[in-house]
Amino acid sequence: MTSFYINILENPERQANIILALSIVPSACLGTYLFYKKGQMKPSTLALIFVFTAVLLDALITVPVFIIPEEGGYSSFFSDPVFYAIAVELYFIVFYFGSHLTKNKTS
């Protein structure tokens, strides 16, 4: 994450989490919109797929590339409550936006 290298706040971890929490909103909406242009799935299932994909990518890319070189590890990354708050945020954004899109398709 480039937010670690551009210091605005004193705590770079908090800064990265704030930027991530804000950037999830448009990216989750865009991904949901693009899926529902051609796909059919319950919004709750799509939201779970988004969350599991994000967790998998965090385990395969984020932790080894960004966290471990900064003296962190898998346990510190996945035990952080902010990680779970962001995962819940992602779930609800995809679920509610997907519900909105599917409701408008059937109307």
C-alpha atoms as a PDB file:
ATOM      1  CA  MET A   1       0.000   0.000   0.000  1.00  0.00           C
ATOM      2  CA  THR A   2       1.405   3.333  -0.980  1.00  0.00           C
ATOM      3  CA  SER A   3      -0.327   4.956   1.978  1.00  0.00           C
ATOM      4  CA  PHE A   4       2.413   3.476   4.182  1.00  0.00           C
ATOM      5  CA  TYR A   5       5.036   5.476   2.311  1.00  0.00           C
ATOM      6  CA  ILE A   6       3.229   8.837   2.216  1.00  0.00           C
ATOM      7  CA  ASN A   7       2.816   9.905   5.832  1.00  0.00           C
ATOM      8  CA  ILE A   8      -0.099  12.200   6.582  1.00  0.00           C
ATOM      9  CA  LEU A   9      -0.968  10.811  10.010  1.00  0.00           C
ATOM     10  CA  GLU A  10       1.514   9.856  12.704  1.00  0.00           C
ATOM     11  CA  ASN A  11       0.301   6.245  12.695  1.00  0.00           C
ATOM     12  CA  PRO A  12       0.847   4.753   9.195  1.00  0.00           C
ATOM     13  CA  GLU A  13      -1.198   1.643  10.025  1.00  0.00           C
ATOM     14  CA  ARG A  14      -4.225   3.711  10.995  1.00  0.00           C
ATOM     15  CA  GLN A  15      -3.758   5.845   7.886  1.00  0.00           C
ATOM     16  CA  ALA A  16      -3.687   2.733   5.665  1.00  0.00           C
ATOM     17  CA  ASN A  17      -6.835   1.364   7.327  1.00  0.00           C
ATOM     18  CA  ILE A  18      -8.707   4.651   6.840  1.00  0.00           C
ATOM     19  CA  ILE A  19      -7.747   4.821   3.169  1.00  0.00           C
ATOM     20  CA  LEU A  20      -8.725   1.176   2.687  1.00  0.00           C
ATOM     21  CA  ALA A  21     -12.080   1.612   4.421  1.00  0.00           C
ATOM     22  CA  LEU A  22     -12.870   4.598   2.201  1.00  0.00           C
ATOM     23  CA  SER A  23     -11.654   3.018  -1.034  1.00  0.00           C
ATOM     24  CA  ILE A  24     -13.687  -0.162  -0.526  1.00  0.00           C
ATOM     25  CA  VAL A  25     -16.959   1.695  -1.098  1.00  0.00           C
ATOM     26  CA  PRO A  26     -16.448   2.657  -4.771  1.00  0.00           C
ATOM     27  CA  SER A  27     -14.487  -0.467  -5.669  1.00  0.00           C
ATOM     28  CA  ALA A  28     -17.089  -2.833  -4.159  1.00  0.00           C
ATOM     29  CA  CYS A  29     -19.897  -0.940  -5.885  1.00  0.00           C
ATOM     30  CA  LEU A  30     -18.061  -1.055  -9.211  1.00  0.00           C
ATOM     31  CA  GLY A  31     -17.358  -4.785  -8.894  1.00  0.00           C
ATOM     32  CA  THR A  32     -20.956  -5.499  -7.937  1.00  0.00           C
ATOM     33  CA  TYR A  33     -22.292  -3.394 -10.796  1.00  0.00           C
ATOM     34  CA  LEU A  34     -20.016  -5.086 -13.335  1.00  0.00           C
ATOM     35  CA  PHE A  35     -21.032  -8.536 -12.088  1.00  0.00           C
ATOM     36  CA  TYR A  36     -24.749  -7.847 -12.307  1.00  0.00           C
ATOM     37  CA  LYS A  37     -24.480  -6.486 -15.841  1.00  0.00           C
ATOM     38  CA  LYS A  38     -24.244 -10.106 -17.017  1.00  0.00           C
ATOM     39  CA  GLY A  39     -24.401 -12.337 -13.953  1.00  0.00           C
ATOM     40  CA  GLN A  40     -27.139 -13.755 -11.770  1.00  0.00           C
ATOM     41  CA  MET A  41     -26.538 -14.592  -8.122  1.00  0.00           C
ATOM     42  CA  LYS A  42     -28.027 -13.840  -4.739  1.00  0.00           C
ATOM     43  CA  PRO A  43     -26.437 -10.688  -3.322  1.00  0.00           C
ATOM     44  CA  SER A  44     -25.527 -12.491  -0.091  1.00  0.00           C
ATOM     45  CA  THR A  45     -23.635 -15.191  -2.025  1.00  0.00           C
ATOM     46  CA  LEU A  46     -21.818 -12.606  -4.127  1.00  0.00           C
ATOM     47  CA  ALA A  47     -20.883 -10.669  -0.990  1.00  0.00           C
ATOM     48  CA  LEU A  48     -19.415 -13.812   0.602  1.00  0.00           C
ATOM     49  CA  ILE A  49     -17.422 -14.536  -2.553  1.00  0.00           C
ATOM     50  CA  PHE A  50     -16.049 -10.969  -2.506  1.00  0.00           C
ATOM     51  CA  VAL A  51     -15.031 -11.302   1.166  1.00  0.00           C
ATOM     52  CA  PHE A  52     -13.430 -14.745   0.740  1.00  0.00           C
ATOM     53  CA  THR A  53     -11.548 -13.524  -2.332  1.00  0.00           C
ATOM     54  CA  ALA A  54     -10.281 -10.496  -0.418  1.00  0.00           C
ATOM     55  CA  VAL A  55      -9.123 -12.683   2.488  1.00  0.00           C
ATOM     56  CA  LEU A  56      -7.380 -15.082   0.101  1.00  0.00           C
ATOM     57  CA  LEU A  57      -5.612 -12.225  -1.687  1.00  0.00           C
ATOM     58  CA  ASP A  58      -4.584 -10.741   1.671  1.00  0.00           C
ATOM     59  CA  ALA A  59      -3.082 -14.087   2.679  1.00  0.00           C
ATOM     60  CA  LEU A  60      -1.288 -14.589  -0.637  1.00  0.00           C
ATOM     61  CA  ILE A  61      -0.183 -11.039  -1.474  1.00  0.00           C
ATOM     62  CA  THR A  62      -0.728  -8.389   1.197  1.00  0.00           C
ATOM     63  CA  VAL A  63       0.851 -10.174   4.141  1.00  0.00           C
ATOM     64  CA  PRO A  64       3.976 -11.500   2.366  1.00  0.00           C
ATOM     65  CA  VAL A  65       4.641  -8.335   0.365  1.00  0.00           C
ATOM     66  CA  PHE A  66       3.674  -5.552   2.787  1.00  0.00           C
ATOM     67  CA  ILE A  67       3.291  -6.900   6.328  1.00  0.00           C
ATOM     68  CA  ILE A  68       6.148  -9.368   6.754  1.00  0.00           C
ATOM     69  CA  PRO A  69       8.841  -6.931   5.537  1.00  0.00           C
ATOM     70  CA  GLU A  70       7.599  -4.462   8.192  1.00  0.00           C
ATOM     71  CA  GLU A  71       8.241  -7.053  10.946  1.00  0.00           C
ATOM     72  CA  GLY A  72       4.613  -8.184  11.055  1.00  0.00           C
ATOM     73  CA  GLY A  73       3.112 -11.564  10.350  1.00  0.00           C
ATOM     74  CA  TYR A  74      -0.012 -13.504   9.531  1.00  0.00           C
ATOM     75  CA  SER A  75      -1.130 -13.677  13.149  1.00  0.00           C
ATOM     76  CA  SER A  76      -0.843  -9.946  13.742  1.00  0.00           C
ATOM     77  CA  PHE A  77      -2.610  -9.158  10.458  1.00  0.00           C
ATOM     78  CA  PHE A  78      -5.515 -11.580  10.887  1.00  0.00           C
ATOM     79  CA  SER A  79      -5.971 -10.880  14.614  1.00  0.00           C
ATOM     80  CA  ASP A  80      -6.462  -7.139  14.064  1.00  0.00           C
ATOM     81  CA  PRO A  81     -10.117  -6.181  14.723  1.00  0.00           C
ATOM     82  CA  VAL A  82      -9.926  -3.571  11.952  1.00  0.00           C
ATOM     83  CA  PHE A  83      -9.399  -6.395   9.440  1.00  0.00           C
ATOM     84  CA  TYR A  84     -12.749  -7.896  10.441  1.00  0.00           C
ATOM     85  CA  ALA A  85     -14.481  -4.508  10.469  1.00  0.00           C
ATOM     86  CA  ILE A  86     -13.330  -3.913   6.891  1.00  0.00           C
ATOM     87  CA  ALA A  87     -14.466  -7.422   5.874  1.00  0.00           C
ATOM     88  CA  VAL A  88     -17.922  -6.743   7.347  1.00  0.00           C
ATOM     89  CA  GLU A  89     -18.003  -3.385   5.563  1.00  0.00           C
ATOM     90  CA  LEU A  90     -17.205  -5.110   2.263  1.00  0.00           C
ATOM     91  CA  TYR A  91     -19.918  -7.713   2.833  1.00  0.00           C
ATOM     92  CA  PHE A  92     -22.649  -5.177   3.569  1.00  0.00           C
ATOM     93  CA  ILE A  93     -21.715  -2.844   0.719  1.00  0.00           C
ATOM     94  CA  VAL A  94     -21.867  -5.678  -1.822  1.00  0.00           C
ATOM     95  CA  PHE A  95     -25.016  -7.122  -0.249  1.00  0.00           C
ATOM     96  CA  TYR A  96     -26.981  -3.869  -0.168  1.00  0.00           C
ATOM     97  CA  PHE A  97     -25.818  -2.577  -3.536  1.00  0.00           C
ATOM     98  CA  GLY A  98     -26.438  -6.006  -5.083  1.00  0.00           C
ATOM     99  CA  SER A  99     -29.918  -6.081  -3.547  1.00  0.00           C
ATOM    100  CA  HIS A 100     -30.592  -2.651  -4.994  1.00  0.00           C
ATOM    101  CA  LEU A 101     -29.411  -3.697  -8.463  1.00  0.00           C
ATOM    102  CA  THR A 102     -31.348  -6.973  -8.508  1.00  0.00           C
ATOM    103  CA  LYS A 103     -34.511  -5.272  -7.248  1.00  0.00           C
ATOM    104  CA  ASN A 104     -34.280  -2.745 -10.088  1.00  0.00           C
ATOM    105  CA  LYS A 105     -33.733  -5.513 -12.662  1.00  0.00           C
ATOM    106  CA  THR A 106     -36.908  -7.350 -11.699  1.00  0.00           C
ATOM    107  CA  SER A 107     -39.039  -4.193 -11.530  1.00  0.00           C
END
